[in-house]
Amino acid sequence: MTNDEALKMLKARGFKVGQRENFGGIMRIWISDADTKVPVTVGRELSDLAEGKISLRDIGLRRVTEGPGSSSQS
């Protein structure tokens, strides 16, 4: 699945898609729903979210546990 396909799927499910930002060399896109706003890593993490394999809340918890300067590319 391409990033564009994933973003279309998320929009169709009611998610809001924000701007791409560089987080220490990792490209992420801000994705939000009614309760949560999280920077989602483009690629596999974005596809997994679109396919329902992971929740936005789970990604938010991942960001908290990564800490500053992390280069995790889930």
N, C-alpha and C. Protein backbone atom coordinates (compact mmCIF):
# COMPACT_ATOMS: atom_id res chain seq x y z
N MET A 1 0.85 -1.17 0.00
CA MET A 1 0.00 0.00 0.00
C MET A 1 0.90 1.24 0.00
N THR A 2 0.56 2.20 -0.84
CA THR A 2 1.34 3.44 -0.87
C THR A 2 0.88 4.36 0.25
N ASN A 3 1.71 5.34 0.57
CA ASN A 3 1.33 6.33 1.57
C ASN A 3 0.06 7.06 1.17
N ASP A 4 -0.07 7.40 -0.11
CA ASP A 4 -1.26 8.10 -0.58
C ASP A 4 -2.52 7.25 -0.42
N GLU A 5 -2.42 5.95 -0.71
CA GLU A 5 -3.56 5.05 -0.52
C GLU A 5 -3.95 4.98 0.95
N ALA A 6 -2.95 4.88 1.82
CA ALA A 6 -3.21 4.82 3.26
C ALA A 6 -3.89 6.10 3.74
N LEU A 7 -3.43 7.24 3.27
CA LEU A 7 -4.03 8.51 3.68
C LEU A 7 -5.47 8.61 3.20
N LYS A 8 -5.76 8.14 1.99
CA LYS A 8 -7.13 8.15 1.48
C LYS A 8 -8.03 7.27 2.34
N MET A 9 -7.52 6.10 2.72
CA MET A 9 -8.30 5.20 3.58
C MET A 9 -8.60 5.84 4.93
N LEU A 10 -7.60 6.49 5.51
CA LEU A 10 -7.79 7.13 6.80
C LEU A 10 -8.80 8.27 6.71
N LYS A 11 -8.69 9.07 5.66
CA LYS A 11 -9.64 10.17 5.48
C LYS A 11 -11.06 9.62 5.32
N ALA A 12 -11.21 8.53 4.59
CA ALA A 12 -12.53 7.93 4.38
C ALA A 12 -13.12 7.42 5.69
N ARG A 13 -12.26 7.07 6.64
CA ARG A 13 -12.71 6.59 7.95
C ARG A 13 -12.88 7.73 8.95
N GLY A 14 -12.70 8.97 8.50
CA GLY A 14 -12.95 10.12 9.36
C GLY A 14 -11.75 10.71 10.06
N PHE A 15 -10.56 10.20 9.79
CA PHE A 15 -9.36 10.77 10.39
C PHE A 15 -9.02 12.08 9.69
N LYS A 16 -8.41 12.99 10.43
CA LYS A 16 -7.91 14.22 9.84
C LYS A 16 -6.42 14.03 9.59
N VAL A 17 -5.97 14.47 8.43
CA VAL A 17 -4.58 14.31 8.03
C VAL A 17 -3.93 15.68 7.95
N GLY A 18 -2.84 15.85 8.68
CA GLY A 18 -2.14 17.13 8.69
C GLY A 18 -0.92 17.14 7.79
N GLN A 19 0.00 18.02 8.11
CA GLN A 19 1.21 18.21 7.32
C GLN A 19 2.28 17.19 7.67
N ARG A 20 3.12 16.93 6.68
CA ARG A 20 4.31 16.10 6.91
C ARG A 20 5.35 16.94 7.62
N GLU A 21 6.05 16.32 8.57
CA GLU A 21 7.12 17.00 9.29
C GLU A 21 8.29 16.05 9.45
N ASN A 22 9.48 16.62 9.53
CA ASN A 22 10.69 15.85 9.74
C ASN A 22 10.98 15.84 11.24
N PHE A 23 10.98 14.65 11.84
CA PHE A 23 11.26 14.48 13.25
C PHE A 23 12.63 13.81 13.38
N GLY A 24 13.67 14.60 13.43
CA GLY A 24 15.01 14.05 13.58
C GLY A 24 15.39 13.08 12.49
N GLY A 25 15.02 13.39 11.24
CA GLY A 25 15.34 12.53 10.11
C GLY A 25 14.26 11.51 9.78
N ILE A 26 13.18 11.48 10.57
CA ILE A 26 12.07 10.56 10.33
C ILE A 26 10.89 11.37 9.83
N MET A 27 10.37 11.03 8.66
CA MET A 27 9.22 11.75 8.11
C MET A 27 7.94 11.20 8.72
N ARG A 28 7.17 12.11 9.33
CA ARG A 28 5.91 11.73 9.95
C ARG A 28 4.81 12.68 9.50
N ILE A 29 3.58 12.19 9.56
CA ILE A 29 2.41 12.98 9.20
C ILE A 29 1.50 13.02 10.42
N TRP A 30 1.03 14.22 10.77
CA TRP A 30 0.10 14.35 11.88
C TRP A 30 -1.25 13.78 11.47
N ILE A 31 -1.75 12.83 12.26
CA ILE A 31 -3.05 12.20 12.04
C ILE A 31 -3.86 12.39 13.32
N SER A 32 -5.14 12.73 13.18
CA SER A 32 -5.96 12.90 14.37
C SER A 32 -7.35 12.34 14.18
N ASP A 33 -7.95 11.99 15.33
CA ASP A 33 -9.36 11.62 15.37
C ASP A 33 -10.00 12.51 16.42
N ALA A 34 -11.13 12.16 16.92
CA ALA A 34 -11.83 13.01 17.88
C ALA A 34 -11.07 13.18 19.19
N ASP A 35 -10.24 12.20 19.56
CA ASP A 35 -9.58 12.21 20.86
C ASP A 35 -8.07 12.37 20.83
N THR A 36 -7.44 12.07 19.72
CA THR A 36 -5.98 11.92 19.69
C THR A 36 -5.38 12.59 18.46
N LYS A 37 -4.21 13.21 18.64
CA LYS A 37 -3.44 13.76 17.53
C LYS A 37 -2.01 13.26 17.69
N VAL A 38 -1.53 12.53 16.67
CA VAL A 38 -0.25 11.84 16.78
C VAL A 38 0.54 11.96 15.48
N PRO A 39 1.87 12.14 15.58
CA PRO A 39 2.70 12.08 14.37
C PRO A 39 2.95 10.62 14.00
N VAL A 40 2.47 10.22 12.82
CA VAL A 40 2.56 8.83 12.36
C VAL A 40 3.67 8.73 11.32
N THR A 41 4.57 7.78 11.50
CA THR A 41 5.68 7.58 10.58
C THR A 41 5.16 7.07 9.24
N VAL A 42 5.62 7.71 8.15
CA VAL A 42 5.21 7.26 6.82
C VAL A 42 5.78 5.86 6.58
N GLY A 43 5.13 5.11 5.72
CA GLY A 43 5.58 3.75 5.44
C GLY A 43 4.73 2.74 6.18
N ARG A 44 5.39 1.77 6.80
CA ARG A 44 4.68 0.66 7.43
C ARG A 44 3.72 1.09 8.53
N GLU A 45 4.14 2.02 9.38
CA GLU A 45 3.27 2.45 10.48
C GLU A 45 1.99 3.08 9.95
N LEU A 46 2.11 3.92 8.93
CA LEU A 46 0.95 4.56 8.31
C LEU A 46 0.04 3.50 7.68
N SER A 47 0.61 2.55 6.99
CA SER A 47 -0.18 1.47 6.37
C SER A 47 -0.87 0.62 7.43
N ASP A 48 -0.16 0.29 8.50
CA ASP A 48 -0.75 -0.51 9.58
C ASP A 48 -1.93 0.21 10.21
N LEU A 49 -1.83 1.51 10.38
CA LEU A 49 -2.94 2.29 10.92
C LEU A 49 -4.13 2.25 9.97
N ALA A 50 -3.88 2.45 8.69
CA ALA A 50 -4.95 2.45 7.69
C ALA A 50 -5.64 1.10 7.61
N GLU A 51 -4.87 0.03 7.77
CA GLU A 51 -5.42 -1.33 7.69
C GLU A 51 -6.03 -1.80 9.00
N GLY A 52 -5.96 -0.98 10.05
CA GLY A 52 -6.54 -1.34 11.33
C GLY A 52 -5.70 -2.30 12.15
N LYS A 53 -4.42 -2.46 11.79
CA LYS A 53 -3.54 -3.37 12.52
C LYS A 53 -3.04 -2.75 13.82
N ILE A 54 -3.10 -1.42 13.91
CA ILE A 54 -2.67 -0.68 15.09
C ILE A 54 -3.59 0.53 15.23
N SER A 55 -3.80 0.96 16.45
CA SER A 55 -4.68 2.12 16.67
C SER A 55 -3.86 3.39 16.79
N LEU A 56 -4.53 4.51 16.62
CA LEU A 56 -3.86 5.80 16.78
C LEU A 56 -3.37 5.95 18.22
N ARG A 57 -4.14 5.44 19.17
CA ARG A 57 -3.74 5.50 20.58
C ARG A 57 -2.45 4.71 20.80
N ASP A 58 -2.36 3.52 20.19
CA ASP A 58 -1.14 2.71 20.32
C ASP A 58 0.08 3.45 19.77
N ILE A 59 -0.10 4.13 18.66
CA ILE A 59 1.01 4.89 18.08
C ILE A 59 1.39 6.04 19.02
N GLY A 60 0.38 6.69 19.60
CA GLY A 60 0.65 7.76 20.56
C GLY A 60 1.45 7.26 21.74
N LEU A 61 1.11 6.08 22.26
CA LEU A 61 1.86 5.50 23.37
C LEU A 61 3.28 5.16 22.94
N ARG A 62 3.44 4.73 21.71
CA ARG A 62 4.77 4.43 21.17
C ARG A 62 5.63 5.70 21.15
N ARG A 63 5.03 6.82 20.73
CA ARG A 63 5.78 8.08 20.68
C ARG A 63 6.25 8.47 22.08
N VAL A 64 5.40 8.27 23.10
CA VAL A 64 5.76 8.62 24.47
C VAL A 64 6.93 7.78 24.95
N THR A 65 6.92 6.48 24.64
CA THR A 65 7.97 5.60 25.12
C THR A 65 9.27 5.74 24.34
N GLU A 66 9.21 6.30 23.12
CA GLU A 66 10.43 6.48 22.32
C GLU A 66 11.36 7.50 22.95
N GLY A 67 10.79 8.54 23.51
CA GLY A 67 11.61 9.59 24.12
C GLY A 67 12.26 10.46 23.06
N PRO A 68 12.85 11.55 23.50
CA PRO A 68 13.50 12.48 22.56
C PRO A 68 14.69 11.85 21.85
N GLY A 69 14.79 12.17 20.57
CA GLY A 69 15.96 11.75 19.79
C GLY A 69 15.90 10.31 19.31
N SER A 70 14.77 9.64 19.52
CA SER A 70 14.67 8.25 19.09
C SER A 70 14.60 8.18 17.57
N SER A 71 15.16 7.12 17.02
CA SER A 71 15.11 6.95 15.57
C SER A 71 14.32 5.70 15.20
N SER A 72 13.41 5.28 16.06
CA SER A 72 12.58 4.10 15.77
C SER A 72 11.75 4.36 14.52
N GLN A 73 11.77 3.42 13.58
CA GLN A 73 11.03 3.56 12.33
C GLN A 73 10.07 2.40 12.18
N SER A 74 9.13 2.27 13.05
CA SER A 74 8.17 1.17 13.06
C SER A 74 7.49 1.00 11.74
